[in-house]
Amino acid sequence: MEALPVTSYISTQSWTEHDVYNEGNRHSSDFQRSPIGTFVEAEPDENLEVWPETGRPGPEVTAYIVAVLEYDPKENKLSRQTATVTRAPEMYGALEDSISALEAANEMDEEMWKMLGESQQEE
């Protein structure tokens, strides 16, 4: 089986209260990013409340960055987990289009992680 030229990624980044207030440690306390090894596909359901800004995503939406935020009050820890996903293959005319969409989502996800890490350092 031929290796995929691009893959979905799953990433986790977290901060603790200690990180926010300790001048010497303003970096995220944890950051992990790893390839899933395949394309992860997702299609939104018909519930328009899931997409309040745009209604159903139109054909111009080709990939997503799915994010989950979690706060643990016991540990005073905020975590953010993302996964990059592409729409179902039948939404594309060619595999190259699907690859391009997922590459763009991966790049944007990585930029968001960098910006969040930098803003944490500046505070």
Protein backbone atom coordinates (compact mmCIF):
# COMPACT_ATOMS: atom_id res chain seq x y z
CA MET A 1 0.00 0.00 0.00
CA GLU A 2 1.36 3.41 -0.99
CA ALA A 3 1.97 5.93 1.80
CA LEU A 4 -0.35 8.92 1.86
CA PRO A 5 1.35 12.21 0.94
CA VAL A 6 -0.62 13.96 3.70
CA THR A 7 -2.46 12.78 6.80
CA SER A 8 -4.88 14.11 9.38
CA TYR A 9 -3.27 15.24 12.64
CA ILE A 10 -4.42 15.15 16.23
CA SER A 11 -2.92 17.69 18.62
CA THR A 12 -3.18 18.43 22.32
CA GLN A 13 -2.05 21.61 24.06
CA SER A 14 -2.65 22.49 27.69
CA TRP A 15 -1.85 25.12 30.26
CA THR A 16 -1.99 25.06 34.04
CA GLU A 17 -2.55 27.96 36.42
CA HIS A 18 1.12 27.68 37.41
CA ASP A 19 2.14 28.39 33.80
CA VAL A 20 0.10 31.58 33.66
CA TYR A 21 1.45 33.14 36.83
CA ASN A 22 5.04 31.90 36.91
CA GLU A 23 7.25 34.43 35.10
CA GLY A 24 9.83 31.78 34.28
CA ASN A 25 7.38 29.35 32.71
CA ARG A 26 4.89 30.92 30.35
CA HIS A 27 5.06 28.21 27.71
CA SER A 28 2.27 25.69 27.36
CA SER A 29 2.75 22.93 29.87
CA ASP A 30 2.08 20.25 27.29
CA PHE A 31 2.01 20.11 23.51
CA GLN A 32 1.78 16.98 21.42
CA ARG A 33 1.07 16.70 17.72
CA SER A 34 1.07 13.47 15.80
CA PRO A 35 -0.14 12.20 12.44
CA ILE A 36 -3.12 9.88 12.51
CA GLY A 37 -1.79 8.05 9.45
CA THR A 38 -4.88 8.41 7.29
CA PHE A 39 -7.49 10.89 6.15
CA VAL A 40 -10.18 11.40 8.75
CA GLU A 41 -13.47 12.27 7.08
CA ALA A 42 -16.35 14.23 8.56
CA GLU A 43 -19.66 15.53 7.31
CA PRO A 44 -21.84 17.74 9.50
CA ASP A 45 -25.27 16.47 10.38
CA GLU A 46 -28.42 18.25 9.29
CA ASN A 47 -28.79 20.04 12.63
CA LEU A 48 -28.30 23.69 11.67
CA GLU A 49 -27.54 24.62 15.28
CA VAL A 50 -24.17 22.97 14.77
CA TRP A 51 -23.37 25.64 12.16
CA PRO A 52 -25.18 28.78 13.42
CA GLU A 53 -23.02 31.26 11.48
CA THR A 54 -23.30 29.69 8.05
CA GLY A 55 -26.06 27.11 8.16
CA ARG A 56 -24.93 24.04 6.28
CA PRO A 57 -21.38 24.33 5.04
CA GLY A 58 -21.38 24.90 1.31
CA PRO A 59 -19.15 23.26 -1.27
CA GLU A 60 -16.45 25.87 -0.60
CA VAL A 61 -15.79 24.28 2.83
CA THR A 62 -13.37 21.47 2.10
CA ALA A 63 -11.76 20.61 5.44
CA TYR A 64 -12.27 21.27 9.14
CA ILE A 65 -10.27 21.76 12.28
CA VAL A 66 -12.36 20.15 14.99
CA ALA A 67 -11.54 21.55 18.45
CA VAL A 68 -12.50 20.46 21.95
CA LEU A 69 -11.79 22.68 24.97
CA GLU A 70 -11.72 21.23 28.46
CA TYR A 71 -11.10 22.75 31.88
CA ASP A 72 -10.12 20.66 34.90
CA PRO A 73 -10.85 22.74 38.04
CA LYS A 74 -9.07 20.26 40.28
CA GLU A 75 -5.78 20.68 38.39
CA ASN A 76 -6.49 24.26 37.24
CA LYS A 77 -5.69 23.02 33.76
CA LEU A 78 -7.07 24.19 30.42
CA SER A 79 -6.66 21.81 27.48
CA ARG A 80 -7.34 22.20 23.80
CA GLN A 81 -7.42 19.22 21.47
CA THR A 82 -7.83 19.45 17.71
CA ALA A 83 -8.07 17.08 14.80
CA THR A 84 -7.79 18.02 11.14
CA VAL A 85 -10.38 16.34 8.96
CA THR A 86 -11.44 16.49 5.34
CA ARG A 87 -14.88 16.18 3.84
CA ALA A 88 -15.90 12.89 2.29
CA PRO A 89 -13.97 11.97 -0.90
CA GLU A 90 -17.10 12.22 -3.04
CA MET A 91 -17.10 15.98 -2.31
CA TYR A 92 -13.99 16.28 -4.48
CA GLY A 93 -13.37 15.76 -8.15
CA ALA A 94 -9.84 14.48 -7.65
CA LEU A 95 -7.67 13.11 -4.87
CA GLU A 96 -5.33 16.09 -5.32
CA ASP A 97 -8.15 18.43 -4.23
CA SER A 98 -8.72 16.40 -1.07
CA ILE A 99 -4.98 16.40 -0.34
CA SER A 100 -4.78 20.18 -0.85
CA ALA A 101 -7.71 20.76 1.50
CA LEU A 102 -6.18 18.64 4.26
CA GLU A 103 -2.75 20.23 3.82
CA ALA A 104 -4.34 23.67 4.25
CA ALA A 105 -6.17 22.54 7.41
CA ASN A 106 -2.93 21.08 8.83
CA GLU A 107 -1.04 24.32 8.14
CA MET A 108 -3.74 26.48 9.74
CA ASP A 109 -3.94 24.18 12.77
CA GLU A 110 -0.18 24.41 13.25
CA GLU A 111 -0.29 28.23 12.95
CA MET A 112 -3.04 28.41 15.58
CA TRP A 113 -0.98 26.30 17.99
CA LYS A 114 2.04 28.56 17.46
CA MET A 115 -0.02 31.73 18.01
CA LEU A 116 -1.55 30.36 21.20
CA GLY A 117 1.88 29.39 22.49
CA GLU A 118 3.30 32.83 21.67
CA SER A 119 0.40 34.69 23.30
CA GLN A 120 0.92 32.58 26.41
CA GLN A 121 4.58 33.67 26.52
CA GLU A 122 3.71 37.38 26.14
CA GLU A 123 1.19 37.57 29.00
